[in-house]
C-alpha atoms as a PDB file:
ATOM      1  CA  MET A   1      -8.805 -60.244  -1.785  1.00  0.00           C
ATOM      2  CA  GLN A   2     -11.524 -62.267  -3.420  1.00  0.00           C
ATOM      3  CA  ALA A   3     -14.076 -60.638  -5.721  1.00  0.00           C
ATOM      4  CA  GLU A   4     -16.921 -61.585  -3.333  1.00  0.00           C
ATOM      5  CA  GLU A   5     -15.301 -59.692  -0.459  1.00  0.00           C
ATOM      6  CA  LEU A   6     -14.550 -56.718  -2.677  1.00  0.00           C
ATOM      7  CA  LYS A   7     -18.186 -56.631  -3.837  1.00  0.00           C
ATOM      8  CA  ASP A   8     -19.417 -56.665  -0.237  1.00  0.00           C
ATOM      9  CA  ILE A   9     -17.143 -53.742   0.685  1.00  0.00           C
ATOM     10  CA  VAL A  10     -18.440 -51.775  -2.315  1.00  0.00           C
ATOM     11  CA  ILE A  11     -22.059 -52.423  -1.350  1.00  0.00           C
ATOM     12  CA  GLU A  12     -21.386 -51.331   2.224  1.00  0.00           C
ATOM     13  CA  ALA A  13     -19.734 -48.097   1.036  1.00  0.00           C
ATOM     14  CA  LEU A  14     -22.703 -47.342  -1.237  1.00  0.00           C
ATOM     15  CA  GLU A  15     -25.293 -48.155   1.432  1.00  0.00           C
ATOM     16  CA  ASN A  16     -23.510 -45.917   3.950  1.00  0.00           C
ATOM     17  CA  LEU A  17     -24.182 -42.928   1.683  1.00  0.00           C
ATOM     18  CA  LYS A  18     -27.765 -43.934   0.897  1.00  0.00           C
ATOM     19  CA  ALA A  19     -27.324 -45.067  -2.712  1.00  0.00           C
ATOM     20  CA  LYS A  20     -30.631 -45.924  -4.347  1.00  0.00           C
ATOM     21  CA  ASP A  21     -31.582 -49.186  -6.099  1.00  0.00           C
ATOM     22  CA  ILE A  22     -28.314 -51.060  -5.617  1.00  0.00           C
ATOM     23  CA  SER A  23     -28.110 -54.011  -7.978  1.00  0.00           C
ATOM     24  CA  VAL A  24     -25.363 -56.619  -8.331  1.00  0.00           C
ATOM     25  CA  LEU A  25     -24.778 -58.661 -11.482  1.00  0.00           C
ATOM     26  CA  ASP A  26     -22.544 -61.715 -11.447  1.00  0.00           C
ATOM     27  CA  VAL A  27     -20.887 -61.648 -14.875  1.00  0.00           C
ATOM     28  CA  THR A  28     -18.110 -64.128 -14.069  1.00  0.00           C
ATOM     29  CA  ASP A  29     -19.233 -66.595 -16.740  1.00  0.00           C
ATOM     30  CA  ARG A  30     -20.058 -63.910 -19.328  1.00  0.00           C
ATOM     31  CA  THR A  31     -16.903 -61.820 -19.556  1.00  0.00           C
ATOM     32  CA  SER A  32     -13.246 -62.029 -18.647  1.00  0.00           C
ATOM     33  CA  VAL A  33     -13.130 -58.313 -17.873  1.00  0.00           C
ATOM     34  CA  THR A  34     -14.728 -58.441 -14.398  1.00  0.00           C
ATOM     35  CA  ASP A  35     -16.585 -60.734 -12.023  1.00  0.00           C
ATOM     36  CA  PHE A  36     -19.254 -58.401 -10.657  1.00  0.00           C
ATOM     37  CA  MET A  37     -20.986 -55.245 -11.786  1.00  0.00           C
ATOM     38  CA  VAL A  38     -22.544 -53.143  -9.060  1.00  0.00           C
ATOM     39  CA  LEU A  39     -25.095 -50.570 -10.184  1.00  0.00           C
ATOM     40  CA  ALA A  40     -26.526 -47.829  -7.997  1.00  0.00           C
ATOM     41  CA  SER A  41     -28.458 -44.619  -8.486  1.00  0.00           C
ATOM     42  CA  GLY A  42     -27.863 -41.239  -6.921  1.00  0.00           C
ATOM     43  CA  THR A  43     -30.161 -38.292  -6.379  1.00  0.00           C
ATOM     44  CA  SER A  44     -27.915 -35.550  -7.799  1.00  0.00           C
ATOM     45  CA  GLY A  45     -24.550 -34.989  -9.438  1.00  0.00           C
ATOM     46  CA  ARG A  46     -23.069 -34.243  -6.028  1.00  0.00           C
ATOM     47  CA  HIS A  47     -24.529 -37.486  -4.633  1.00  0.00           C
ATOM     48  CA  LEU A  48     -23.024 -39.473  -7.536  1.00  0.00           C
ATOM     49  CA  ARG A  49     -19.584 -37.994  -6.867  1.00  0.00           C
ATOM     50  CA  SER A  50     -19.928 -38.708  -3.148  1.00  0.00           C
ATOM     51  CA  LEU A  51     -20.879 -42.324  -3.824  1.00  0.00           C
ATOM     52  CA  ALA A  52     -17.918 -42.863  -6.158  1.00  0.00           C
ATOM     53  CA  GLU A  53     -15.552 -41.111  -3.754  1.00  0.00           C
ATOM     54  CA  SER A  54     -16.834 -43.259  -0.890  1.00  0.00           C
ATOM     55  CA  VAL A  55     -15.989 -46.451  -2.781  1.00  0.00           C
ATOM     56  CA  VAL A  56     -12.518 -45.139  -3.684  1.00  0.00           C
ATOM     57  CA  LYS A  57     -11.864 -43.978  -0.105  1.00  0.00           C
ATOM     58  CA  GLU A  58     -12.975 -47.299   1.356  1.00  0.00           C
ATOM     59  CA  MET A  59     -10.541 -49.146  -0.924  1.00  0.00           C
ATOM     60  CA  LYS A  60      -7.726 -46.778  -0.015  1.00  0.00           C
ATOM     61  CA  ASP A  61      -8.493 -46.950   3.747  1.00  0.00           C
ATOM     62  CA  ARG A  62      -8.322 -50.752   3.632  1.00  0.00           C
ATOM     63  CA  GLY A  63      -5.103 -50.709   1.635  1.00  0.00           C
ATOM     64  CA  LEU A  64      -6.826 -52.403  -1.276  1.00  0.00           C
ATOM     65  CA  ARG A  65      -6.790 -51.831  -4.997  1.00  0.00           C
ATOM     66  CA  GLU A  66      -6.204 -48.567  -6.734  1.00  0.00           C
ATOM     67  CA  ALA A  67      -9.474 -47.548  -8.351  1.00  0.00           C
ATOM     68  CA  LYS A  68      -9.765 -46.131 -11.843  1.00  0.00           C
ATOM     69  CA  VAL A  69     -12.574 -43.579 -12.096  1.00  0.00           C
ATOM     70  CA  GLU A  70     -14.295 -42.411 -15.285  1.00  0.00           C
ATOM     71  CA  GLY A  71     -16.826 -39.585 -15.347  1.00  0.00           C
ATOM     72  CA  GLY A  72     -16.900 -36.676 -12.996  1.00  0.00           C
ATOM     73  CA  ASP A  73     -18.194 -33.224 -12.226  1.00  0.00           C
ATOM     74  CA  SER A  74     -20.839 -32.852 -14.907  1.00  0.00           C
ATOM     75  CA  SER A  75     -21.445 -36.533 -15.556  1.00  0.00           C
ATOM     76  CA  ASP A  76     -24.680 -38.458 -15.007  1.00  0.00           C
ATOM     77  CA  TRP A  77     -22.675 -41.698 -14.882  1.00  0.00           C
ATOM     78  CA  ILE A  78     -19.516 -42.410 -12.924  1.00  0.00           C
ATOM     79  CA  LEU A  79     -17.681 -45.690 -13.315  1.00  0.00           C
ATOM     80  CA  VAL A  80     -15.295 -47.005 -10.658  1.00  0.00           C
ATOM     81  CA  ASP A  81     -13.138 -49.861 -11.969  1.00  0.00           C
ATOM     82  CA  LEU A  82     -11.707 -52.090  -9.247  1.00  0.00           C
ATOM     83  CA  GLY A  83     -10.747 -54.916 -11.588  1.00  0.00           C
ATOM     84  CA  ASP A  84     -12.839 -57.796 -10.254  1.00  0.00           C
ATOM     85  CA  VAL A  85     -15.697 -55.396  -9.485  1.00  0.00           C
ATOM     86  CA  VAL A  86     -16.898 -52.535 -11.681  1.00  0.00           C
ATOM     87  CA  VAL A  87     -19.184 -49.988 -10.029  1.00  0.00           C
ATOM     88  CA  HIS A  88     -21.626 -47.855 -12.031  1.00  0.00           C
ATOM     89  CA  VAL A  89     -23.265 -44.949 -10.196  1.00  0.00           C
ATOM     90  CA  MET A  90     -25.840 -43.150 -12.314  1.00  0.00           C
ATOM     91  CA  MET A  91     -28.674 -40.725 -12.256  1.00  0.00           C
ATOM     92  CA  PRO A  92     -31.981 -42.651 -12.525  1.00  0.00           C
ATOM     93  CA  ALA A  93     -32.787 -41.339 -16.031  1.00  0.00           C
ATOM     94  CA  THR A  94     -29.337 -42.324 -17.315  1.00  0.00           C
ATOM     95  CA  ARG A  95     -29.620 -45.736 -15.728  1.00  0.00           C
ATOM     96  CA  GLU A  96     -33.027 -46.253 -17.309  1.00  0.00           C
ATOM     97  CA  PHE A  97     -31.777 -45.087 -20.726  1.00  0.00           C
ATOM     98  CA  TYR A  98     -28.725 -47.384 -20.861  1.00  0.00           C
ATOM     99  CA  ASP A  99     -30.480 -50.215 -18.987  1.00  0.00           C
ATOM    100  CA  LEU A 100     -27.371 -52.256 -18.180  1.00  0.00           C
ATOM    101  CA  GLU A 101     -29.485 -54.750 -16.253  1.00  0.00           C
ATOM    102  CA  ARG A 102     -31.278 -55.611 -19.500  1.00  0.00           C
ATOM    103  CA  LEU A 103     -28.010 -55.717 -21.441  1.00  0.00           C
ATOM    104  CA  TRP A 104     -26.648 -58.286 -18.972  1.00  0.00           C
ATOM    105  CA  ARG A 105     -30.062 -59.889 -18.322  1.00  0.00           C
ATOM    106  CA  ASP A 106     -28.680 -63.418 -18.553  1.00  0.00           C
ATOM    107  CA  ALA A 107     -26.328 -62.695 -15.660  1.00  0.00           C
ATOM    108  CA  PRO A 108     -27.670 -63.750 -12.271  1.00  0.00           C
ATOM    109  CA  GLY A 109     -28.964 -60.752 -10.341  1.00  0.00           C
ATOM    110  CA  LEU A 110     -27.724 -60.928  -6.782  1.00  0.00           C
ATOM    111  CA  GLY A 111     -29.514 -57.934  -5.279  1.00  0.00           C
ATOM    112  CA  ALA A 112     -27.975 -55.520  -2.787  1.00  0.00           C
ATOM    113  CA  ALA A 113     -27.133 -58.156  -0.193  1.00  0.00           C
ATOM    114  CA  GLY A 114     -25.291 -60.299  -2.721  1.00  0.00           C
ATOM    115  CA  SER A 115     -27.424 -63.383  -2.292  1.00  0.00           C
ATOM    116  CA  GLU A 116     -29.506 -65.025  -4.991  1.00  0.00           C
END
């Protein structure tokens, strides 16, 4: 599966559980680690876990990649690594503090729909 398709599936899974402020960064030309970073905020620790679990479940249901998950029960930041797409779900304060959008500011922001 292409990275674009994988990104779209991730966005759909996040939107289905009402993730806040979904942002997509195309980092293809900036790192060899991944093609897209998807960032989203949750409203509580439980919401963050649900968002991450939704992405993992969607991958599993479609017979796609095994996801590696970092963070968990007491975390304000959960990372789901799908290889070509890395998903960051964070509490708003954590997201503001680490400001990954600024860190990768030269990367084209694609928005939630994935179009420039």
